[in-house]
Amino acid sequence: MSMFADVWNIAKTLVKLADDLQKYNAEVKEIRIELRNLTMIVHALAQEIRHNKAQTASDHEKLTLQLENNMLQFEKRLLPSPRGKK
């Protein structure tokens, strides 16, 4: 009888291990899908960061040029006009 009980316990253990293996495989599949989705999100965020960085640099350059233009216009107004010369 002891041998039958040992075989029965081994069979139960094998069935449980097979069931656990199926569950783990399903979990791994879900994790891979989530990882793929997260990877796509990270790539999209990286692209957005690069775009924002480029846009910020462009905006900075525009503001710098606008400031230079305003300073030149201000300097032009400060220069004395040549009234005595013809």
Protein backbone atom coordinates (compact mmCIF):
# COMPACT_ATOMS: atom_id res chain seq x y z
CA MET A 1 0.00 0.00 0.00
CA SER A 2 2.81 2.37 0.75
CA MET A 3 4.07 2.15 -2.82
CA PHE A 4 0.61 3.00 -4.15
CA ALA A 5 0.44 6.02 -1.84
CA ASP A 6 3.87 7.18 -3.02
CA VAL A 7 2.84 6.86 -6.68
CA TRP A 8 -0.41 8.67 -5.92
CA ASN A 9 1.45 11.53 -4.18
CA ILE A 10 3.91 11.78 -7.07
CA ALA A 11 1.02 11.91 -9.55
CA LYS A 12 -0.74 14.64 -7.52
CA THR A 13 2.50 16.58 -7.32
CA LEU A 14 3.02 16.29 -11.09
CA VAL A 15 -0.52 17.47 -11.80
CA LYS A 16 -0.04 20.42 -9.43
CA LEU A 17 3.31 21.29 -11.02
CA ALA A 18 1.78 21.13 -14.50
CA ASP A 19 -1.06 23.39 -13.38
CA ASP A 20 1.39 25.83 -11.77
CA LEU A 21 3.49 25.81 -14.93
CA GLN A 22 0.46 26.74 -17.04
CA LYS A 23 -0.38 29.58 -14.65
CA TYR A 24 3.20 30.86 -14.71
CA ASN A 25 3.31 30.68 -18.50
CA ALA A 26 0.09 32.71 -18.68
CA GLU A 27 1.52 35.27 -16.26
CA VAL A 28 4.74 35.51 -18.26
CA LYS A 29 2.69 36.10 -21.42
CA GLU A 30 0.75 38.91 -19.70
CA ILE A 31 3.96 40.44 -18.37
CA ARG A 32 5.48 40.38 -21.86
CA ILE A 33 2.43 42.16 -23.25
CA GLU A 34 2.62 44.77 -20.48
CA LEU A 35 6.35 45.19 -21.09
CA ARG A 36 5.73 45.67 -24.81
CA ASN A 37 3.09 48.31 -24.02
CA LEU A 38 5.37 50.07 -21.56
CA THR A 39 8.20 50.02 -24.08
CA MET A 40 5.95 51.69 -26.64
CA ILE A 41 4.94 54.31 -24.07
CA VAL A 42 8.57 54.99 -23.15
CA HIS A 43 9.48 55.40 -26.83
CA ALA A 44 6.56 57.78 -27.34
CA LEU A 45 7.58 59.80 -24.27
CA ALA A 46 11.19 59.94 -25.46
CA GLN A 47 10.01 61.21 -28.84
CA GLU A 48 7.84 63.82 -27.14
CA ILE A 49 10.76 64.93 -24.96
CA ARG A 50 12.98 65.31 -28.05
CA HIS A 51 10.24 67.29 -29.79
CA ASN A 52 9.72 69.53 -26.74
CA LYS A 53 13.46 70.07 -26.44
CA ALA A 54 13.68 71.11 -30.08
CA GLN A 55 10.61 73.35 -29.68
CA THR A 56 12.10 74.94 -26.57
CA ALA A 57 15.36 75.63 -28.39
CA SER A 58 13.42 77.17 -31.28
CA ASP A 59 11.34 79.30 -28.92
CA HIS A 60 14.51 80.40 -27.10
CA GLU A 61 16.11 81.41 -30.38
CA LYS A 62 13.00 83.35 -31.43
CA LEU A 63 12.89 85.19 -28.11
CA THR A 64 16.60 85.99 -28.33
CA LEU A 65 16.16 87.42 -31.83
CA GLN A 66 13.11 89.38 -30.72
CA LEU A 67 15.07 90.79 -27.79
CA GLU A 68 17.97 91.76 -30.06
CA ASN A 69 15.52 93.40 -32.44
CA ASN A 70 13.89 95.35 -29.61
CA MET A 71 17.29 96.47 -28.33
CA LEU A 72 18.29 97.66 -31.81
CA GLN A 73 15.06 99.60 -32.15
CA PHE A 74 15.60 101.13 -28.72
CA GLU A 75 19.20 102.08 -29.62
CA LYS A 76 17.97 103.63 -32.85
CA ARG A 77 15.57 105.83 -30.89
CA LEU A 78 18.34 106.89 -28.50
CA LEU A 79 20.76 108.00 -31.24
CA PRO A 80 20.68 111.75 -31.82
CA SER A 81 19.16 112.66 -35.14
CA PRO A 82 21.46 114.53 -37.53
CA ARG A 83 19.56 117.87 -37.60
CA GLY A 84 22.30 120.22 -38.60
CA LYS A 85 23.54 118.17 -41.50
CA LYS A 86 22.10 118.18 -44.99
